[in-house]
Protein backbone atom coordinates (compact mmCIF):
# COMPACT_ATOMS: atom_id res chain seq x y z
CA UNK A 1 152.85 6.77 -86.89
CA UNK A 2 150.19 7.39 -84.30
CA UNK A 3 150.05 4.78 -81.52
CA UNK A 4 146.34 4.04 -81.89
CA UNK A 5 147.11 2.30 -85.21
CA UNK A 6 147.47 -0.81 -83.03
CA UNK A 7 143.69 -1.08 -82.77
CA UNK A 8 142.91 -0.35 -86.41
CA UNK A 9 140.74 -2.64 -88.51
CA UNK A 10 139.16 -1.94 -91.90
CA UNK A 11 136.76 -4.03 -93.96
CA UNK A 12 136.23 -3.38 -97.64
CA UNK A 13 133.52 -5.08 -99.66
CA UNK A 14 133.80 -6.00 -103.32
CA UNK A 15 131.46 -7.84 -105.62
CA UNK A 16 133.44 -10.13 -107.87
CA UNK A 17 133.13 -9.32 -111.57
CA UNK A 18 134.17 -11.07 -114.78
CA UNK A 19 137.33 -8.94 -115.03
CA UNK A 20 138.40 -10.42 -111.66
CA UNK A 21 138.29 -13.99 -113.01
CA UNK A 22 141.36 -16.21 -113.00
CA UNK A 23 142.97 -15.35 -116.34
CA UNK A 24 146.48 -15.62 -117.73
CA UNK A 25 147.70 -13.70 -120.77
CA UNK A 26 144.11 -12.72 -121.59
CA UNK A 27 142.90 -16.32 -121.48
CA UNK A 28 140.19 -17.31 -118.99
CA UNK A 29 141.44 -20.16 -116.81
CA UNK A 30 138.53 -20.44 -114.35
CA UNK A 31 135.37 -18.33 -113.89
CA UNK A 32 136.31 -17.67 -110.24
CA UNK A 33 137.64 -14.75 -108.16
CA UNK A 34 141.36 -14.85 -108.86
CA UNK A 35 144.11 -14.90 -106.27
CA UNK A 36 145.62 -11.90 -108.08
CA UNK A 37 142.53 -9.76 -107.45
CA UNK A 38 142.17 -11.11 -103.93
CA UNK A 39 145.74 -10.01 -103.17
CA UNK A 40 145.06 -6.59 -104.67
CA UNK A 41 141.94 -6.10 -102.54
CA UNK A 42 143.81 -7.33 -99.44
CA UNK A 43 146.52 -4.71 -100.12
CA UNK A 44 143.85 -2.01 -100.41
CA UNK A 45 142.29 -3.02 -97.08
CA UNK A 46 145.67 -3.12 -95.32
CA UNK A 47 146.62 0.31 -96.65
CA UNK A 48 143.27 1.75 -95.53
CA UNK A 49 143.84 0.27 -92.06
CA UNK A 50 147.03 2.28 -91.50
CA UNK A 51 146.81 5.36 -93.71
CA UNK A 52 144.70 7.48 -91.29
CA UNK A 53 147.41 7.00 -88.65
CA UNK A 54 150.36 8.43 -90.61
CA UNK A 55 152.07 11.39 -89.02
CA UNK A 56 152.67 14.44 -91.21
CA UNK A 57 155.29 13.60 -93.83
CA UNK A 58 154.96 9.82 -93.53
CA UNK A 59 154.02 7.19 -96.06
CA UNK A 60 154.38 3.43 -96.34
CA UNK A 61 155.69 0.81 -98.72
CA UNK A 62 154.33 -2.69 -99.07
CA UNK A 63 156.99 -5.13 -97.87
CA UNK A 64 155.22 -8.46 -98.23
CA UNK A 65 151.99 -10.35 -98.47
CA UNK A 66 151.18 -13.93 -97.56
CA UNK A 67 147.78 -15.13 -98.65
CA UNK A 68 146.24 -18.58 -98.48
CA UNK A 69 143.31 -18.92 -100.87
CA UNK A 70 141.20 -21.48 -98.96
CA UNK A 71 137.91 -21.70 -100.88
CA UNK A 72 136.68 -20.91 -104.35
CA UNK A 73 134.56 -17.82 -104.86
CA UNK A 74 132.24 -17.53 -107.88
CA UNK A 75 131.82 -14.33 -109.85
CA UNK A 76 128.94 -12.09 -108.80
CA UNK A 77 129.50 -12.75 -105.09
CA UNK A 78 130.17 -10.11 -102.41
CA UNK A 79 133.46 -10.60 -100.58
CA UNK A 80 134.34 -8.78 -97.36
CA UNK A 81 138.08 -8.34 -96.87
CA UNK A 82 139.23 -7.31 -93.39
CA UNK A 83 142.70 -6.05 -92.51
CA UNK A 84 143.49 -5.76 -88.81
CA UNK A 85 146.72 -4.37 -87.41
CA UNK A 86 148.16 -7.18 -85.30
CA UNK A 87 151.78 -6.17 -84.87
CA UNK A 88 153.81 -2.96 -84.78
CA UNK A 89 157.55 -3.56 -84.68
CA UNK A 90 159.31 -0.24 -85.06
CA UNK A 91 158.30 1.01 -88.49
CA UNK A 92 156.99 -2.40 -89.64
CA UNK A 93 153.22 -2.81 -89.46
CA UNK A 94 151.67 -6.25 -89.94
CA UNK A 95 147.98 -6.72 -90.68
CA UNK A 96 146.11 -9.99 -90.48
CA UNK A 97 143.90 -10.53 -93.51
CA UNK A 98 140.57 -12.30 -93.76
CA UNK A 99 138.35 -12.62 -96.82
CA UNK A 100 134.84 -13.99 -96.43
CA UNK A 101 131.82 -14.47 -98.64
CA UNK A 102 129.07 -14.71 -96.06
CA UNK A 103 129.93 -17.61 -93.76
CA UNK A 104 132.55 -19.02 -96.15
CA UNK A 105 136.20 -18.21 -95.53
CA UNK A 106 137.74 -17.40 -98.91
CA UNK A 107 141.26 -16.55 -97.73
CA UNK A 108 143.46 -15.53 -94.85
CA UNK A 109 146.97 -14.23 -94.46
CA UNK A 110 149.14 -11.28 -93.52
CA UNK A 111 150.41 -8.11 -95.15
CA UNK A 112 153.47 -6.14 -94.04
CA UNK A 113 154.07 -2.44 -94.62
CA UNK A 114 157.07 -0.31 -93.71
CA UNK A 115 156.40 3.27 -92.62
CA UNK A 116 159.05 5.82 -93.62
CA UNK A 117 159.36 9.57 -94.12
CA UNK A 118 157.85 10.50 -97.49
CA UNK A 119 161.09 12.22 -98.53
CA UNK A 120 163.04 9.02 -97.94
CA UNK A 121 160.57 7.02 -100.03
CA UNK A 122 160.84 9.56 -102.86
CA UNK A 123 164.65 9.30 -102.74
CA UNK A 124 164.41 5.49 -102.83
CA UNK A 125 162.09 5.66 -105.85
CA UNK A 126 164.42 8.06 -107.68
CA UNK A 127 167.39 5.77 -106.94
CA UNK A 128 165.51 2.73 -108.27
CA UNK A 129 164.76 4.54 -111.54
CA UNK A 130 168.37 5.67 -111.80
CA UNK A 131 169.71 2.14 -111.18
CA UNK A 132 167.53 0.80 -113.98
CA UNK A 133 168.35 3.64 -116.35
CA UNK A 134 164.69 4.61 -116.71
CA UNK A 135 163.27 8.13 -116.64
CA UNK A 136 161.18 8.88 -113.54
CA UNK A 137 157.63 9.77 -114.71
CA UNK A 138 156.67 13.40 -114.18
CA UNK A 139 153.75 14.15 -111.90
CA UNK A 140 150.77 15.49 -113.81
């Protein structure tokens, strides 16, 4: 991992759509931007914040996310999600997360990723499939 990752920050922008509404088992619960989709977009921003800084043969695994959904966000609204690297502890990278719709704070939190050699990650994936007795999908 390149050292200048410590100053990395990425903002992605999404416009909330009906498929991002709070739904469970195909049933609409609330016509609002769901925490599920918010977490997904936060993961995307955090990954984009560190990916350009991988050394050859490195990759990362998500190790945790903590997200506090602070305000409701209607559908059809643009949300800016920012991930900023705030801590590098060995191979653990922590990003602070902020989601805003204009001046309104929608959410905040942190996301942790662990950087490892790609070969090690592939071995871990193969072992997980083996432990569960499931065939590893073939790359297409």
